[in-house]
Amino acid sequence: MKVYTYSEARQKLSMILDMARSEEVIIKRRGGETFKLVFNQSDKSPFDVKGISGINKKIKTQDILDAISESRST
């Protein structure tokens, strides 16, 4: 486990993120707060979303515009 100060972490962020892939990295702030960096590898893209299935697909453009308008007004 490696511990870095906030200032060190800012200066060496790229290196610290690479290091966090293989070991625990702690960043410590001046006030004593500590934060643990955790590497989270995901094979799935955040943009990989399921389409609309099982729903009546006869949605009209006006229905979408109405839904958008309604969501903005609340």
PDB file of N, CA and C in Angstrom:
ATOM      1  N   MET A   1       0.848  -1.171   0.000  1.00  0.00           N
ATOM      2  CA  MET A   1       0.000   0.000   0.000  1.00  0.00           C
ATOM      3  C   MET A   1       0.896   1.237   0.000  1.00  0.00           C
ATOM      4  N   LYS A   2       0.590   2.147  -0.894  1.00  0.00           N
ATOM      5  CA  LYS A   2       1.320   3.406  -0.986  1.00  0.00           C
ATOM      6  C   LYS A   2       0.423   4.534  -0.492  1.00  0.00           C
ATOM      7  N   VAL A   3       1.021   5.473   0.239  1.00  0.00           N
ATOM      8  CA  VAL A   3       0.287   6.626   0.750  1.00  0.00           C
ATOM      9  C   VAL A   3       0.916   7.888   0.176  1.00  0.00           C
ATOM     10  N   TYR A   4       0.066   8.750  -0.398  1.00  0.00           N
ATOM     11  CA  TYR A   4       0.532  10.006  -0.974  1.00  0.00           C
ATOM     12  C   TYR A   4      -0.237  11.155  -0.338  1.00  0.00           C
ATOM     13  N   THR A   5       0.414  12.282  -0.250  1.00  0.00           N
ATOM     14  CA  THR A   5      -0.288  13.481   0.183  1.00  0.00           C
ATOM     15  C   THR A   5      -1.112  13.985  -1.002  1.00  0.00           C
ATOM     16  N   TYR A   6      -2.055  14.853  -0.726  1.00  0.00           N
ATOM     17  CA  TYR A   6      -2.889  15.430  -1.773  1.00  0.00           C
ATOM     18  C   TYR A   6      -2.023  16.130  -2.829  1.00  0.00           C
ATOM     19  N   SER A   7      -1.029  16.890  -2.366  1.00  0.00           N
ATOM     20  CA  SER A   7      -0.157  17.627  -3.297  1.00  0.00           C
ATOM     21  C   SER A   7       0.631  16.675  -4.180  1.00  0.00           C
ATOM     22  N   GLU A   8       1.171  15.612  -3.587  1.00  0.00           N
ATOM     23  CA  GLU A   8       1.904  14.620  -4.385  1.00  0.00           C
ATOM     24  C   GLU A   8       0.980  13.964  -5.402  1.00  0.00           C
ATOM     25  N   ALA A   9      -0.225  13.646  -4.973  1.00  0.00           N
ATOM     26  CA  ALA A   9      -1.180  12.981  -5.861  1.00  0.00           C
ATOM     27  C   ALA A   9      -1.535  13.870  -7.046  1.00  0.00           C
ATOM     28  N   ARG A  10      -1.694  15.159  -6.815  1.00  0.00           N
ATOM     29  CA  ARG A  10      -1.992  16.082  -7.918  1.00  0.00           C
ATOM     30  C   ARG A  10      -0.857  16.102  -8.928  1.00  0.00           C
ATOM     31  N   GLN A  11       0.374  16.126  -8.437  1.00  0.00           N
ATOM     32  CA  GLN A  11       1.536  16.225  -9.320  1.00  0.00           C
ATOM     33  C   GLN A  11       1.796  14.923 -10.077  1.00  0.00           C
ATOM     34  N   LYS A  12       1.466  13.790  -9.474  1.00  0.00           N
ATOM     35  CA  LYS A  12       1.806  12.497 -10.066  1.00  0.00           C
ATOM     36  C   LYS A  12       0.558  11.662 -10.381  1.00  0.00           C
ATOM     37  N   LEU A  13      -0.540  12.308 -10.701  1.00  0.00           N
ATOM     38  CA  LEU A  13      -1.815  11.615 -10.844  1.00  0.00           C
ATOM     39  C   LEU A  13      -1.755  10.459 -11.842  1.00  0.00           C
ATOM     40  N   SER A  14      -1.188  10.671 -13.006  1.00  0.00           N
ATOM     41  CA  SER A  14      -1.135   9.619 -14.021  1.00  0.00           C
ATOM     42  C   SER A  14      -0.397   8.389 -13.497  1.00  0.00           C
ATOM     43  N   MET A  15       0.740   8.603 -12.868  1.00  0.00           N
ATOM     44  CA  MET A  15       1.529   7.498 -12.322  1.00  0.00           C
ATOM     45  C   MET A  15       0.764   6.782 -11.206  1.00  0.00           C
ATOM     46  N   ILE A  16       0.085   7.551 -10.355  1.00  0.00           N
ATOM     47  CA  ILE A  16      -0.657   6.970  -9.238  1.00  0.00           C
ATOM     48  C   ILE A  16      -1.835   6.136  -9.741  1.00  0.00           C
ATOM     49  N   LEU A  17      -2.526   6.603 -10.779  1.00  0.00           N
ATOM     50  CA  LEU A  17      -3.622   5.829 -11.344  1.00  0.00           C
ATOM     51  C   LEU A  17      -3.112   4.520 -11.934  1.00  0.00           C
ATOM     52  N   ASP A  18      -1.967   4.552 -12.602  1.00  0.00           N
ATOM     53  CA  ASP A  18      -1.365   3.315 -13.125  1.00  0.00           C
ATOM     54  C   ASP A  18      -1.008   2.369 -11.979  1.00  0.00           C
ATOM     55  N   MET A  19      -0.468   2.912 -10.917  1.00  0.00           N
ATOM     56  CA  MET A  19      -0.078   2.113  -9.764  1.00  0.00           C
ATOM     57  C   MET A  19      -1.295   1.465  -9.105  1.00  0.00           C
ATOM     58  N   ALA A  20      -2.425   2.181  -9.083  1.00  0.00           N
ATOM     59  CA  ALA A  20      -3.642   1.688  -8.439  1.00  0.00           C
ATOM     60  C   ALA A  20      -4.211   0.461  -9.148  1.00  0.00           C
ATOM     61  N   ARG A  21      -3.763   0.194 -10.369  1.00  0.00           N
ATOM     62  CA  ARG A  21      -4.200  -1.016 -11.066  1.00  0.00           C
ATOM     63  C   ARG A  21      -3.696  -2.276 -10.373  1.00  0.00           C
ATOM     64  N   SER A  22      -2.559  -2.171  -9.703  1.00  0.00           N
ATOM     65  CA  SER A  22      -1.959  -3.370  -9.122  1.00  0.00           C
ATOM     66  C   SER A  22      -1.830  -3.356  -7.604  1.00  0.00           C
ATOM     67  N   GLU A  23      -2.000  -2.190  -6.974  1.00  0.00           N
ATOM     68  CA  GLU A  23      -1.898  -2.143  -5.516  1.00  0.00           C
ATOM     69  C   GLU A  23      -2.769  -1.024  -4.956  1.00  0.00           C
ATOM     70  N   GLU A  24      -2.995  -1.097  -3.672  1.00  0.00           N
ATOM     71  CA  GLU A  24      -3.833  -0.109  -2.993  1.00  0.00           C
ATOM     72  C   GLU A  24      -3.088   1.213  -2.878  1.00  0.00           C
ATOM     73  N   VAL A  25      -3.782   2.300  -3.179  1.00  0.00           N
ATOM     74  CA  VAL A  25      -3.194   3.625  -3.083  1.00  0.00           C
ATOM     75  C   VAL A  25      -4.092   4.486  -2.185  1.00  0.00           C
ATOM     76  N   ILE A  26      -3.477   5.147  -1.222  1.00  0.00           N
ATOM     77  CA  ILE A  26      -4.187   6.019  -0.296  1.00  0.00           C
ATOM     78  C   ILE A  26      -3.725   7.455  -0.528  1.00  0.00           C
ATOM     79  N   ILE A  27      -4.672   8.384  -0.561  1.00  0.00           N
ATOM     80  CA  ILE A  27      -4.345   9.808  -0.671  1.00  0.00           C
ATOM     81  C   ILE A  27      -4.806  10.467   0.625  1.00  0.00           C
ATOM     82  N   LYS A  28      -3.889  11.182   1.250  1.00  0.00           N
ATOM     83  CA  LYS A  28      -4.170  11.782   2.554  1.00  0.00           C
ATOM     84  C   LYS A  28      -4.175  13.300   2.429  1.00  0.00           C
ATOM     85  N   ARG A  29      -5.248  13.909   2.941  1.00  0.00           N
ATOM     86  CA  ARG A  29      -5.352  15.365   2.940  1.00  0.00           C
ATOM     87  C   ARG A  29      -4.756  15.936   4.219  1.00  0.00           C
ATOM     88  N   ARG A  30      -4.480  17.198   4.185  1.00  0.00           N
ATOM     89  CA  ARG A  30      -3.863  17.884   5.316  1.00  0.00           C
ATOM     90  C   ARG A  30      -4.676  17.735   6.603  1.00  0.00           C
ATOM     91  N   GLY A  31      -6.003  17.750   6.501  1.00  0.00           N
ATOM     92  CA  GLY A  31      -6.870  17.644   7.670  1.00  0.00           C
ATOM     93  C   GLY A  31      -6.963  16.243   8.246  1.00  0.00           C
ATOM     94  N   GLY A  32      -6.295  15.273   7.621  1.00  0.00           N
ATOM     95  CA  GLY A  32      -6.298  13.912   8.130  1.00  0.00           C
ATOM     96  C   GLY A  32      -7.228  12.962   7.390  1.00  0.00           C
ATOM     97  N   GLU A  33      -8.076  13.491   6.502  1.00  0.00           N
ATOM     98  CA  GLU A  33      -8.961  12.621   5.729  1.00  0.00           C
ATOM     99  C   GLU A  33      -8.127  11.757   4.793  1.00  0.00           C
ATOM    100  N   THR A  34      -8.537  10.503   4.631  1.00  0.00           N
ATOM    101  CA  THR A  34      -7.850   9.618   3.695  1.00  0.00           C
ATOM    102  C   THR A  34      -8.839   9.054   2.696  1.00  0.00           C
ATOM    103  N   PHE A  35      -8.374   8.839   1.483  1.00  0.00           N
ATOM    104  CA  PHE A  35      -9.180   8.309   0.393  1.00  0.00           C
ATOM    105  C   PHE A  35      -8.431   7.166  -0.254  1.00  0.00           C
ATOM    106  N   LYS A  36      -9.135   6.074  -0.516  1.00  0.00           N
ATOM    107  CA  LYS A  36      -8.522   4.918  -1.146  1.00  0.00           C
ATOM    108  C   LYS A  36      -8.908   4.879  -2.620  1.00  0.00           C
ATOM    109  N   LEU A  37      -7.919   4.740  -3.487  1.00  0.00           N
ATOM    110  CA  LEU A  37      -8.177   4.598  -4.911  1.00  0.00           C
ATOM    111  C   LEU A  37      -8.412   3.131  -5.204  1.00  0.00           C
ATOM    112  N   VAL A  38      -9.493   2.846  -5.912  1.00  0.00           N
ATOM    113  CA  VAL A  38      -9.827   1.475  -6.264  1.00  0.00           C
ATOM    114  C   VAL A  38      -9.955   1.379  -7.775  1.00  0.00           C
ATOM    115  N   PHE A  39      -9.212   0.459  -8.364  1.00  0.00           N
ATOM    116  CA  PHE A  39      -9.279   0.243  -9.800  1.00  0.00           C
ATOM    117  C   PHE A  39     -10.539  -0.563 -10.100  1.00  0.00           C
ATOM    118  N   ASN A  40     -11.336  -0.072 -11.028  1.00  0.00           N
ATOM    119  CA  ASN A  40     -12.593  -0.718 -11.370  1.00  0.00           C
ATOM    120  C   ASN A  40     -12.613  -0.958 -12.866  1.00  0.00           C
ATOM    121  N   GLN A  41     -12.248  -2.164 -13.262  1.00  0.00           N
ATOM    122  CA  GLN A  41     -12.209  -2.486 -14.678  1.00  0.00           C
ATOM    123  C   GLN A  41     -13.554  -3.048 -15.107  1.00  0.00           C
ATOM    124  N   SER A  42     -14.103  -2.470 -16.129  1.00  0.00           N
ATOM    125  CA  SER A  42     -15.391  -2.919 -16.635  1.00  0.00           C
ATOM    126  C   SER A  42     -15.258  -3.199 -18.120  1.00  0.00           C
ATOM    127  N   ASP A  43     -15.774  -4.353 -18.529  1.00  0.00           N
ATOM    128  CA  ASP A  43     -15.739  -4.700 -19.950  1.00  0.00           C
ATOM    129  C   ASP A  43     -16.889  -4.057 -20.711  1.00  0.00           C
ATOM    130  N   LYS A  44     -17.803  -3.475 -19.963  1.00  0.00           N
ATOM    131  CA  LYS A  44     -19.006  -2.913 -20.564  1.00  0.00           C
ATOM    132  C   LYS A  44     -18.900  -1.393 -20.658  1.00  0.00           C
ATOM    133  N   SER A  45     -19.248  -0.860 -21.786  1.00  0.00           N
ATOM    134  CA  SER A  45     -19.249   0.583 -21.984  1.00  0.00           C
ATOM    135  C   SER A  45     -20.441   1.203 -21.261  1.00  0.00           C
ATOM    136  N   PRO A  46     -20.258   2.380 -20.652  1.00  0.00           N
ATOM    137  CA  PRO A  46     -21.400   3.040 -20.030  1.00  0.00           C
ATOM    138  C   PRO A  46     -22.462   3.439 -21.058  1.00  0.00           C
ATOM    139  N   PHE A  47     -22.109   3.429 -22.327  1.00  0.00           N
ATOM    140  CA  PHE A  47     -23.052   3.775 -23.390  1.00  0.00           C
ATOM    141  C   PHE A  47     -23.756   2.545 -23.953  1.00  0.00           C
ATOM    142  N   ASP A  48     -23.419   1.365 -23.433  1.00  0.00           N
ATOM    143  CA  ASP A  48     -24.034   0.125 -23.879  1.00  0.00           C
ATOM    144  C   ASP A  48     -25.331  -0.091 -23.101  1.00  0.00           C
ATOM    145  N   VAL A  49     -26.408   0.452 -23.616  1.00  0.00           N
ATOM    146  CA  VAL A  49     -27.698   0.367 -22.940  1.00  0.00           C
ATOM    147  C   VAL A  49     -28.663  -0.463 -23.781  1.00  0.00           C
ATOM    148  N   LYS A  50     -29.570  -1.129 -23.098  1.00  0.00           N
ATOM    149  CA  LYS A  50     -30.562  -1.924 -23.807  1.00  0.00           C
ATOM    150  C   LYS A  50     -31.565  -1.009 -24.486  1.00  0.00           C
ATOM    151  N   GLY A  51     -32.021  -1.427 -25.629  1.00  0.00           N
ATOM    152  CA  GLY A  51     -33.043  -0.666 -26.342  1.00  0.00           C
ATOM    153  C   GLY A  51     -34.411  -0.898 -25.736  1.00  0.00           C
ATOM    154  N   ILE A  52     -35.380  -0.246 -26.290  1.00  0.00           N
ATOM    155  CA  ILE A  52     -36.754  -0.413 -25.827  1.00  0.00           C
ATOM    156  C   ILE A  52     -37.284  -1.703 -26.426  1.00  0.00           C
ATOM    157  N   SER A  53     -37.646  -2.635 -25.553  1.00  0.00           N
ATOM    158  CA  SER A  53     -38.218  -3.889 -26.058  1.00  0.00           C
ATOM    159  C   SER A  53     -39.473  -4.195 -25.258  1.00  0.00           C
ATOM    160  N   GLY A  54     -40.400  -4.804 -25.896  1.00  0.00           N
ATOM    161  CA  GLY A  54     -41.640  -5.154 -25.222  1.00  0.00           C
ATOM    162  C   GLY A  54     -42.578  -3.979 -25.057  1.00  0.00           C
ATOM    163  N   ILE A  55     -42.206  -2.840 -25.555  1.00  0.00           N
ATOM    164  CA  ILE A  55     -43.050  -1.650 -25.474  1.00  0.00           C
ATOM    165  C   ILE A  55     -43.577  -1.365 -26.871  1.00  0.00           C
ATOM    166  N   ASN A  56     -44.772  -0.856 -26.916  1.00  0.00           N
ATOM    167  CA  ASN A  56     -45.349  -0.496 -28.205  1.00  0.00           C
ATOM    168  C   ASN A  56     -44.403   0.477 -28.902  1.00  0.00           C
ATOM    169  N   LYS A  57     -43.856   0.060 -30.027  1.00  0.00           N
ATOM    170  CA  LYS A  57     -42.844   0.870 -30.711  1.00  0.00           C
ATOM    171  C   LYS A  57     -43.451   1.888 -31.677  1.00  0.00           C
ATOM    172  N   LYS A  58     -44.738   2.092 -31.578  1.00  0.00           N
ATOM    173  CA  LYS A  58     -45.387   3.075 -32.440  1.00  0.00           C
ATOM    174  C   LYS A  58     -45.408   4.431 -31.758  1.00  0.00           C
ATOM    175  N   ILE A  59     -44.241   4.842 -31.288  1.00  0.00           N
ATOM    176  CA  ILE A  59     -44.124   6.130 -30.613  1.00  0.00           C
ATOM    177  C   ILE A  59     -43.936   7.202 -31.679  1.00  0.00           C
ATOM    178  N   LYS A  60     -44.697   8.249 -31.563  1.00  0.00           N
ATOM    179  CA  LYS A  60     -44.619   9.335 -32.533  1.00  0.00           C
ATOM    180  C   LYS A  60     -43.657  10.405 -32.025  1.00  0.00           C
ATOM    181  N   THR A  61     -43.129  11.169 -32.946  1.00  0.00           N
ATOM    182  CA  THR A  61     -42.217  12.261 -32.604  1.00  0.00           C
ATOM    183  C   THR A  61     -42.859  13.216 -31.608  1.00  0.00           C
ATOM    184  N   GLN A  62     -44.115  13.497 -31.800  1.00  0.00           N
ATOM    185  CA  GLN A  62     -44.804  14.426 -30.904  1.00  0.00           C
ATOM    186  C   GLN A  62     -44.876  13.866 -29.484  1.00  0.00           C
ATOM    187  N   ASP A  63     -45.017  12.530 -29.341  1.00  0.00           N
ATOM    188  CA  ASP A  63     -45.036  11.902 -28.022  1.00  0.00           C
ATOM    189  C   ASP A  63     -43.706  12.144 -27.294  1.00  0.00           C
ATOM    190  N   ILE A  64     -42.616  12.025 -28.026  1.00  0.00           N
ATOM    191  CA  ILE A  64     -41.289  12.250 -27.444  1.00  0.00           C
ATOM    192  C   ILE A  64     -41.122  13.709 -27.047  1.00  0.00           C
ATOM    193  N   LEU A  65     -41.517  14.620 -27.923  1.00  0.00           N
ATOM    194  CA  LEU A  65     -41.414  16.041 -27.629  1.00  0.00           C
ATOM    195  C   LEU A  65     -42.277  16.425 -26.418  1.00  0.00           C
ATOM    196  N   ASP A  66     -43.461  15.837 -26.320  1.00  0.00           N
ATOM    197  CA  ASP A  66     -44.325  16.093 -25.173  1.00  0.00           C
ATOM    198  C   ASP A  66     -43.686  15.600 -23.879  1.00  0.00           C
ATOM    199  N   ALA A  67     -43.076  14.413 -23.933  1.00  0.00           N
ATOM    200  CA  ALA A  67     -42.435  13.850 -22.745  1.00  0.00           C
ATOM    201  C   ALA A  67     -41.269  14.723 -22.306  1.00  0.00           C
ATOM    202  N   ILE A  68     -40.479  15.216 -23.245  1.00  0.00           N
ATOM    203  CA  ILE A  68     -39.363  16.088 -22.932  1.00  0.00           C
ATOM    204  C   ILE A  68     -39.863  17.388 -22.313  1.00  0.00           C
ATOM    205  N   SER A  69     -40.873  17.966 -22.928  1.00  0.00           N
ATOM    206  CA  SER A  69     -41.450  19.211 -22.415  1.00  0.00           C
ATOM    207  C   SER A  69     -41.981  19.041 -21.004  1.00  0.00           C
ATOM    208  N   GLU A  70     -42.678  17.924 -20.780  1.00  0.00           N
ATOM    209  CA  GLU A  70     -43.238  17.646 -19.457  1.00  0.00           C
ATOM    210  C   GLU A  70     -42.130  17.465 -18.413  1.00  0.00           C
ATOM    211  N   SER A  71     -41.054  16.777 -18.777  1.00  0.00           N
ATOM    212  CA  SER A  71     -39.967  16.547 -17.812  1.00  0.00           C
ATOM    213  C   SER A  71     -39.247  17.844 -17.451  1.00  0.00           C
ATOM    214  N   ARG A  72     -39.220  18.771 -18.367  1.00  0.00           N
ATOM    215  CA  ARG A  72     -38.558  20.054 -18.109  1.00  0.00           C
ATOM    216  C   ARG A  72     -39.404  21.005 -17.285  1.00  0.00           C
ATOM    217  N   SER A  73     -40.703  20.817 -17.317  1.00  0.00           N
ATOM    218  CA  SER A  73     -41.591  21.739 -16.604  1.00  0.00           C
ATOM    219  C   SER A  73     -41.782  21.368 -15.136  1.00  0.00           C
ATOM    220  N   THR A  74     -41.351  20.186 -14.728  1.00  0.00           N
ATOM    221  CA  THR A  74     -41.522  19.782 -13.318  1.00  0.00           C
ATOM    222  C   THR A  74     -40.283  19.969 -12.534  1.00  0.00           C
TER     223      THR A  74
END
